[in-house]
Each structure stands twice: as structure tokens, then as C-alpha cells.
Amino acid sequence: MERIERIHALHRILTGARYPVTVPRLQEELECSRATVYRDLAYLRDQLMAPVIGNGEAGFRYDPEDSHRFELPGLWLSSDELHSLLAAQQLMLRSGGGVLANALAPLQQRIEKLLDDHAGGRRVPVERVRVVAHRTRRLEETAFRHVATAVLDRRQLVFDYRARSTDQLTRRTVSPQRLTHYRDNWYLDAFDHDRDALRSFAVDRISAARQLEEVARDVPNEELDRQLASSYGIFSGTPKGWATIVFSAKAARWVADEHWHSQQEGRFLPDGRYELKIPFSSGRELLMDVLHYGSDAEITAPPSLREQARALLSLAISNYDRDPV
């Protein structure tokens, strides 16, 4: 839990407490150490001027005579809340004068009022915080509308799909399951009737989409997660093994704080390097992310994935063994 979130949580606990709250209970609810509890209490009392009374033996609470007059100052947003706020604002700006503009106008006003209320009436310059889209692909809006409508209406969908890996065009009939936004791009998780299996489709590769009258076949969420979210990457599938990547001591400072997968296992090695283990099925996306670190990352297991990485690096080097065309 981040410090801002802890201070917010601590304020809520003390505000609602009729009797002193013990330090062990604060440790449990704030998920932090005893020393951190005392630091946060001191910050709340000395810096934010909160009416904190009590001691380490009896516990802490707000002074009943002053608690009703105290509020946390300024704007308090977690990183997730700030990102969500900015995403909502960008959505409204991108809608322009389209169908969503009038519908989203009240939401824009509520967001602005929320910011004003939490900032004590002063204007919050949200435009000074940016959310930058990275490597966003061109998306055909007509195809996206057909896909999204089929997902929400629970109807089967037929479309042409040109695979990016092979450039092969096929006609697919599917039961849409979920629409997923991943790394600034949209994907359709669906049950492919011709292949009798779950598949993920990049929406930007879909064309000539048409919703059918037939009701979509529903796949339980547990099955979707097991087949589509249990391994690394958007095209994961059922895990076939675990990949082990060792990062240099320099890269370790970044990787140790990164979330690659819900089941990842990481540890610092005695020499300062960082070892990361991840379940994977297809190594394509994992290799792309590992190679992003260049010489600061080395795949040590399994041998087949290590060989794939070596082959890709050899091909990349061969491009520089000749003069540019």
C-alpha cells in the first residue's frame, strides 16, 4: 500500500473509531510495520495537524472535540485513481462532437466538481499530468462497433481476419466472450466455432464484421482465465512451462518493481542480479519483452526458449553485417 493510500486509510480508521485503536490492529489494517504506523501517525499529527491523541499502549484515536473539524487537505488520489481519471477525460475529449459528447458531458462536470471539492475550491491543473499512448495501432471504427456490440448483445459474429504473423486471410465465425484493452490496443476473446477452441483476435485485423442472429455460446470466466490468462502475454494459452530470466544488477532496479504476471516469482541473487520466473505457453511476446532489455537480460531456462532468443539475436546481428540497401 502506498503512503498516500495508508494516510487515507488511517484517517478513515481514526475517524470511525469510538475507542482507541491499538498499534497491532493498525499494522494489520494498513499492512505495514510497527515503525511505519508510528511514522504515519506522526505525519498525520505534525504535518497535517490532525487531532491525534493516545499512546502506544492504550492505542490512538481522534480527539472527539476536534475530530469533526478536521479534514485531509488538498487532492488525494492514488496512481490508479489518477490514471482512471485521466483516461476518462481523454475518452471524453476524443469523442469530439460524436454521439458520446452529450452523454459524457455530465460526467465531465462531475469529475471537475470532484476535483474542486477535494482541492478546497482551487483549480487542479490536471492537464499537467499526461497519459501517453504507446504504439497504438490504427483501428477501423466500424469493425470495432460491430465487435463491441456483439460482445454486449451476446450474439455470434462473422468476420474476415488477416493474421499479422502470416498475412493469411480467413473467414471466422465466433461467439464473442470478452473485449480486452491491452497495451493500448483492443483484442477480442472469442470461441471460434470452426476450430472448436478459444482464440484471441486483434480487433485492428478484423474487417467485414457482421453480427448474426444466433445467440453466442458462453464460456465460463474460469475457463477463459485458465486458457487465456494463465500464461504470459495476451496470446498465452495453457502454460507449457516456466521461463527463467536473469537481469543484470543495473536492470534489476527496474525489473524488481515490475509486474509481468500474477504468478511470477522473483529474487535477488547474491551478486545483485535479479532472477525472474514466469509461466509461458508461446514465447513470442515474452521474447519481445526480454529482448527489449538487450544485454541486461539473459534467458537461462528452458533451453528451447534460450535457443529461440539466440536465433533472433543472431538474425538481428546479420542485418548489420552488410551495407544498408
Protein backbone atom coordinates (compact mmCIF):
# COMPACT_ATOMS: atom_id res chain seq x y z
CA MET A 1 0.00 0.00 0.00
CA GLU A 2 1.40 3.42 -0.99
CA ARG A 3 1.87 6.09 1.68
CA ILE A 4 -0.95 8.29 0.35
CA GLU A 5 -3.32 5.31 0.47
CA ARG A 6 -2.13 4.45 4.01
CA ILE A 7 -2.74 8.01 5.23
CA HIS A 8 -6.22 7.92 3.72
CA ALA A 9 -6.92 4.54 5.33
CA LEU A 10 -5.51 5.68 8.67
CA HIS A 11 -7.73 8.77 8.57
CA ARG A 12 -10.81 6.62 7.89
CA ILE A 13 -9.96 4.23 10.74
CA LEU A 14 -9.42 7.01 13.29
CA THR A 15 -12.47 8.95 12.12
CA GLY A 16 -14.73 5.94 12.63
CA ALA A 17 -13.19 4.77 15.92
CA ARG A 18 -15.20 5.33 19.11
CA TYR A 19 -12.37 3.90 21.22
CA PRO A 20 -8.56 3.99 20.84
CA VAL A 21 -7.22 1.74 18.08
CA THR A 22 -4.22 -0.38 19.04
CA VAL A 23 -0.99 -0.35 17.03
CA PRO A 24 -1.23 -4.10 16.16
CA ARG A 25 -4.67 -3.52 14.65
CA LEU A 26 -3.35 -0.56 12.64
CA GLN A 27 -0.47 -2.73 11.42
CA GLU A 28 -2.91 -5.37 10.24
CA GLU A 29 -5.32 -2.98 8.51
CA LEU A 30 -2.61 -0.83 6.91
CA GLU A 31 -0.44 -3.86 6.03
CA CYS A 32 2.74 -2.26 7.29
CA SER A 33 5.31 -2.46 10.07
CA ARG A 34 5.03 -1.02 13.60
CA ALA A 35 7.60 1.67 12.76
CA THR A 36 5.61 2.71 9.68
CA VAL A 37 2.44 3.06 11.76
CA TYR A 38 4.22 5.44 14.13
CA ARG A 39 5.70 7.44 11.22
CA ASP A 40 2.27 7.81 9.60
CA LEU A 41 0.66 8.82 12.89
CA ALA A 42 3.38 11.44 13.42
CA TYR A 43 2.93 12.74 9.87
CA LEU A 44 -0.85 12.92 10.33
CA ARG A 45 -0.48 14.77 13.63
CA ASP A 46 2.53 17.04 12.99
CA GLN A 47 2.32 17.81 9.27
CA LEU A 48 -1.42 17.61 8.57
CA MET A 49 -2.42 18.93 12.02
CA ALA A 50 -4.81 16.03 12.72
CA PRO A 51 -6.16 15.82 16.32
CA VAL A 52 -4.42 12.51 17.07
CA ILE A 53 -4.33 11.56 20.76
CA GLY A 54 -3.24 8.43 22.62
CA ASN A 55 -0.12 6.34 23.06
CA GLY A 56 1.40 3.03 22.01
CA GLU A 57 -0.02 1.10 24.98
CA ALA A 58 -3.65 2.25 25.03
CA GLY A 59 -3.96 2.97 21.30
CA PHE A 60 -4.72 6.06 19.20
CA ARG A 61 -7.85 7.95 18.16
CA TYR A 62 -9.00 11.42 17.14
CA ASP A 63 -9.85 13.89 19.89
CA PRO A 64 -13.70 13.84 19.94
CA GLU A 65 -13.80 17.61 20.49
CA ASP A 66 -11.80 18.39 17.33
CA SER A 67 -12.35 15.42 15.00
CA HIS A 68 -15.44 16.91 13.32
CA ARG A 69 -13.43 20.00 12.30
CA PHE A 70 -10.56 18.08 10.66
CA GLU A 71 -10.38 17.01 7.03
CA LEU A 72 -7.45 15.85 4.94
CA PRO A 73 -6.18 18.84 2.93
CA GLY A 74 -5.71 19.02 -0.81
CA LEU A 75 -6.28 16.42 -3.50
CA TRP A 76 -5.54 12.80 -2.56
CA LEU A 77 -5.55 10.39 -5.49
CA SER A 78 -3.77 7.07 -5.81
CA SER A 79 -1.87 6.34 -9.02
CA ASP A 80 -4.70 4.05 -10.21
CA GLU A 81 -7.34 6.69 -9.45
CA LEU A 82 -5.37 9.39 -11.25
CA HIS A 83 -4.86 7.15 -14.28
CA SER A 84 -8.57 6.31 -14.37
CA LEU A 85 -9.49 9.98 -14.08
CA LEU A 86 -7.22 10.97 -16.94
CA ALA A 87 -8.40 8.04 -19.07
CA ALA A 88 -12.00 9.15 -18.58
CA GLN A 89 -11.15 12.72 -19.51
CA GLN A 90 -9.26 11.62 -22.62
CA LEU A 91 -12.20 9.46 -23.65
CA MET A 92 -14.47 12.48 -23.43
CA LEU A 93 -12.07 14.64 -25.42
CA ARG A 94 -11.65 12.02 -28.13
CA SER A 95 -15.40 11.66 -28.51
CA GLY A 96 -15.43 15.14 -30.01
CA GLY A 97 -18.84 16.08 -31.31
CA GLY A 98 -19.97 12.49 -31.76
CA VAL A 99 -22.73 10.50 -30.12
CA LEU A 100 -20.88 10.30 -26.79
CA ALA A 101 -20.27 14.03 -26.38
CA ASN A 102 -23.66 14.94 -24.89
CA ALA A 103 -23.88 11.72 -22.85
CA LEU A 104 -20.45 12.24 -21.30
CA ALA A 105 -20.82 15.97 -20.60
CA PRO A 106 -22.46 15.40 -17.15
CA LEU A 107 -19.62 13.03 -16.24
CA GLN A 108 -17.05 15.67 -17.16
CA GLN A 109 -18.85 18.15 -14.89
CA ARG A 110 -18.93 15.63 -12.02
CA ILE A 111 -15.19 14.97 -12.38
CA GLU A 112 -14.45 18.70 -12.28
CA LYS A 113 -16.66 19.12 -9.20
CA LEU A 114 -14.94 16.17 -7.52
CA LEU A 115 -11.55 17.77 -8.09
CA ASP A 116 -12.78 21.14 -6.80
CA ASP A 117 -14.27 19.59 -3.67
CA HIS A 118 -11.11 17.67 -2.82
CA ALA A 119 -8.82 20.59 -3.61
CA GLY A 120 -10.64 23.05 -1.37
CA GLY A 121 -12.03 25.11 -4.26
CA ARG A 122 -8.73 25.76 -6.02
CA ARG A 123 -8.31 24.69 -9.63
CA VAL A 124 -6.34 21.48 -10.12
CA PRO A 125 -4.19 21.66 -13.30
CA VAL A 126 -4.83 18.08 -14.44
CA GLU A 127 -3.50 18.96 -17.90
CA ARG A 128 -0.02 18.91 -16.34
CA VAL A 129 -0.30 15.13 -15.93
CA ARG A 130 -0.27 13.11 -19.16
CA VAL A 131 -1.24 9.60 -20.19
CA VAL A 132 0.71 8.87 -23.38
CA ALA A 133 -0.49 6.16 -25.73
CA HIS A 134 2.36 3.93 -26.91
CA ARG A 135 2.43 2.07 -30.23
CA THR A 136 -1.32 2.34 -30.73
CA ARG A 137 -2.47 0.69 -33.95
CA ARG A 138 -4.92 2.12 -36.48
CA LEU A 139 -8.39 0.84 -35.72
CA GLU A 140 -11.34 0.65 -38.09
CA GLU A 141 -14.20 2.16 -36.09
CA THR A 142 -16.90 0.26 -37.99
CA ALA A 143 -15.31 -3.10 -37.19
CA PHE A 144 -14.82 -2.06 -33.56
CA ARG A 145 -18.50 -1.10 -33.20
CA HIS A 146 -19.63 -4.46 -34.64
CA VAL A 147 -17.29 -6.35 -32.31
CA ALA A 148 -18.25 -4.37 -29.20
CA THR A 149 -21.97 -4.65 -29.99
CA ALA A 150 -21.74 -8.42 -30.48
CA VAL A 151 -19.91 -8.79 -27.15
CA LEU A 152 -22.56 -6.81 -25.27
CA ASP A 153 -25.57 -8.20 -27.15
CA ARG A 154 -24.26 -11.77 -26.74
CA ARG A 155 -24.65 -12.58 -30.44
CA GLN A 156 -22.39 -14.59 -32.74
CA LEU A 157 -20.12 -12.65 -35.07
CA VAL A 158 -18.68 -13.42 -38.50
CA PHE A 159 -15.70 -11.50 -39.91
CA ASP A 160 -12.62 -11.64 -42.11
CA TYR A 161 -9.35 -11.91 -40.18
CA ARG A 162 -5.89 -11.29 -41.59
CA ALA A 163 -3.29 -12.79 -39.26
CA ARG A 164 -0.39 -10.45 -38.68
CA SER A 165 2.14 -13.30 -38.43
CA THR A 166 1.27 -14.99 -41.77
CA ASP A 167 -0.78 -12.30 -43.57
CA GLN A 168 -3.30 -15.07 -44.32
CA LEU A 169 -6.95 -14.01 -44.70
CA THR A 170 -9.61 -16.32 -43.24
CA ARG A 171 -13.34 -16.10 -42.59
CA ARG A 172 -14.20 -16.71 -38.92
CA THR A 173 -17.48 -17.36 -37.11
CA VAL A 174 -17.17 -16.84 -33.37
CA SER A 175 -19.04 -16.43 -30.11
CA PRO A 176 -17.59 -13.25 -28.58
CA GLN A 177 -16.62 -13.57 -24.91
CA ARG A 178 -14.67 -10.50 -23.85
CA LEU A 179 -13.26 -7.30 -25.30
CA THR A 180 -9.80 -6.68 -23.83
CA HIS A 181 -7.74 -3.47 -23.88
CA TYR A 182 -4.09 -4.50 -23.65
CA ARG A 183 -1.04 -2.29 -24.18
CA ASP A 184 -3.11 0.45 -25.82
CA ASN A 185 -4.74 -1.93 -28.31
CA TRP A 186 -8.02 -3.89 -28.43
CA TYR A 187 -8.41 -7.68 -28.59
CA LEU A 188 -11.45 -9.92 -28.89
CA ASP A 189 -11.51 -13.10 -26.81
CA ALA A 190 -13.90 -15.49 -28.56
CA PHE A 191 -14.91 -19.11 -29.06
CA ASP A 192 -14.01 -20.00 -32.65
CA HIS A 193 -16.74 -22.35 -33.94
CA ASP A 194 -14.72 -23.64 -36.92
CA ARG A 195 -11.74 -24.54 -34.74
CA ASP A 196 -13.80 -25.52 -31.69
CA ALA A 197 -11.44 -23.58 -29.40
CA LEU A 198 -10.89 -20.26 -27.67
CA ARG A 199 -8.92 -17.66 -29.59
CA SER A 200 -7.83 -14.03 -29.19
CA PHE A 201 -8.14 -11.72 -32.20
CA ALA A 202 -6.55 -8.29 -32.67
CA VAL A 203 -9.51 -6.03 -33.48
CA ASP A 204 -7.39 -3.93 -35.85
CA ARG A 205 -7.01 -7.05 -38.07
CA ILE A 206 -10.78 -7.62 -38.30
CA SER A 207 -12.77 -6.48 -41.34
CA ALA A 208 -16.18 -7.08 -42.92
CA ALA A 209 -17.65 -7.88 -39.50
CA ARG A 210 -21.34 -8.76 -39.26
CA GLN A 211 -23.42 -9.68 -36.25
CA LEU A 212 -25.55 -12.83 -36.59
CA GLU A 213 -28.94 -13.65 -35.08
CA GLU A 214 -27.61 -16.76 -33.34
CA VAL A 215 -27.04 -16.40 -29.59
CA ALA A 216 -23.38 -16.53 -28.59
CA ARG A 217 -22.09 -19.56 -26.72
CA ASP A 218 -20.98 -18.51 -23.25
CA VAL A 219 -17.70 -19.84 -21.86
CA PRO A 220 -17.31 -19.65 -18.05
CA ASN A 221 -14.95 -16.94 -16.82
CA GLU A 222 -12.84 -19.55 -15.04
CA GLU A 223 -12.23 -21.33 -18.35
CA LEU A 224 -11.41 -18.06 -20.11
CA ASP A 225 -8.86 -17.17 -17.43
CA ARG A 226 -7.38 -20.68 -17.43
CA GLN A 227 -6.80 -20.74 -21.18
CA LEU A 228 -6.25 -17.07 -21.99
CA ALA A 229 -4.73 -15.52 -18.87
CA SER A 230 -2.77 -18.25 -17.13
CA SER A 231 0.46 -17.74 -19.11
CA TYR A 232 2.47 -14.69 -20.10
CA GLY A 233 1.04 -12.37 -22.73
CA ILE A 234 -2.25 -11.74 -24.47
CA PHE A 235 -1.95 -14.88 -26.64
CA SER A 236 -0.97 -17.04 -23.70
CA GLY A 237 -2.94 -20.28 -23.60
CA THR A 238 -2.36 -23.06 -21.08
CA PRO A 239 1.16 -22.86 -19.59
CA LYS A 240 3.66 -25.31 -21.07
CA GLY A 241 6.47 -24.44 -18.71
CA TRP A 242 8.31 -21.74 -16.81
CA ALA A 243 10.80 -19.29 -18.24
CA THR A 244 13.73 -18.10 -16.12
CA ILE A 245 15.29 -14.74 -16.98
CA VAL A 246 18.29 -13.25 -15.19
CA PHE A 247 18.69 -9.47 -15.33
CA SER A 248 21.85 -7.51 -14.68
CA ALA A 249 22.26 -5.62 -11.41
CA LYS A 250 21.56 -2.37 -13.28
CA ALA A 251 18.30 -3.64 -14.83
CA ALA A 252 17.31 -5.28 -11.54
CA ARG A 253 16.43 -1.88 -10.11
CA TRP A 254 13.62 -1.64 -12.68
CA VAL A 255 12.56 -5.27 -13.12
CA ALA A 256 12.16 -5.96 -9.39
CA ASP A 257 9.34 -3.39 -9.29
CA GLU A 258 7.61 -4.54 -12.49
CA HIS A 259 4.53 -6.76 -12.68
CA TRP A 260 4.98 -9.26 -15.53
CA HIS A 261 2.50 -11.95 -14.46
CA SER A 262 0.23 -12.73 -11.50
CA GLN A 263 2.21 -15.91 -10.71
CA GLN A 264 5.70 -14.55 -11.26
CA GLU A 265 8.49 -15.48 -8.87
CA GLY A 266 11.43 -13.16 -8.38
CA ARG A 267 14.52 -12.95 -6.19
CA PHE A 268 17.75 -11.01 -5.97
CA LEU A 269 20.89 -13.05 -6.49
CA PRO A 270 23.94 -12.60 -4.23
CA ASP A 271 25.78 -10.57 -6.90
CA GLY A 272 22.91 -8.04 -7.25
CA ARG A 273 21.32 -9.55 -10.35
CA TYR A 274 17.61 -10.37 -10.40
CA GLU A 275 16.10 -13.74 -11.34
CA LEU A 276 12.53 -13.74 -12.65
CA LYS A 277 10.44 -16.86 -13.32
CA ILE A 278 7.23 -16.69 -15.40
CA PRO A 279 4.77 -19.31 -16.71
CA PHE A 280 4.50 -19.19 -20.51
CA SER A 281 2.97 -21.03 -23.43
CA SER A 282 4.04 -19.24 -26.60
CA GLY A 283 7.38 -17.50 -26.25
CA ARG A 284 6.74 -14.87 -28.95
CA GLU A 285 5.61 -11.99 -26.75
CA LEU A 286 7.86 -12.93 -23.84
CA LEU A 287 10.89 -12.91 -26.14
CA MET A 288 9.98 -9.45 -27.42
CA ASP A 289 9.83 -8.07 -23.88
CA VAL A 290 13.03 -9.79 -22.74
CA LEU A 291 14.99 -8.64 -25.81
CA HIS A 292 13.84 -5.12 -25.03
CA TYR A 293 16.42 -5.20 -22.21
CA GLY A 294 19.23 -6.09 -24.62
CA SER A 295 22.44 -7.22 -22.94
CA ASP A 296 20.93 -6.66 -19.48
CA ALA A 297 18.74 -9.80 -19.77
CA GLU A 298 19.56 -13.47 -20.30
CA ILE A 299 17.11 -16.37 -20.63
CA THR A 300 18.58 -19.28 -18.70
CA ALA A 301 15.68 -21.76 -18.99
CA PRO A 302 14.17 -23.60 -20.70
CA PRO A 303 16.83 -24.45 -23.32
CA SER A 304 14.31 -24.21 -26.19
CA LEU A 305 13.37 -20.62 -25.32
CA ARG A 306 17.03 -19.72 -24.82
CA GLU A 307 17.78 -21.08 -28.29
CA GLN A 308 14.94 -19.03 -29.79
CA ALA A 309 16.39 -15.90 -28.22
CA ARG A 310 19.87 -16.75 -29.52
CA ALA A 311 18.50 -17.29 -33.05
CA LEU A 312 16.63 -13.97 -33.01
CA LEU A 313 19.73 -12.12 -31.82
CA SER A 314 21.85 -13.79 -34.50
CA LEU A 315 19.38 -12.74 -37.19
CA ALA A 316 19.39 -9.20 -35.84
CA ILE A 317 23.20 -9.07 -35.91
CA SER A 318 23.22 -10.37 -39.50
CA ASN A 319 21.29 -7.27 -40.57
CA TYR A 320 24.34 -5.19 -39.61
CA ASP A 321 26.90 -7.44 -41.34
CA ARG A 322 26.08 -5.89 -44.72
CA ASP A 323 25.77 -2.39 -46.05
CA PRO A 324 22.28 -0.85 -45.87
CA VAL A 325 20.26 -1.10 -49.07
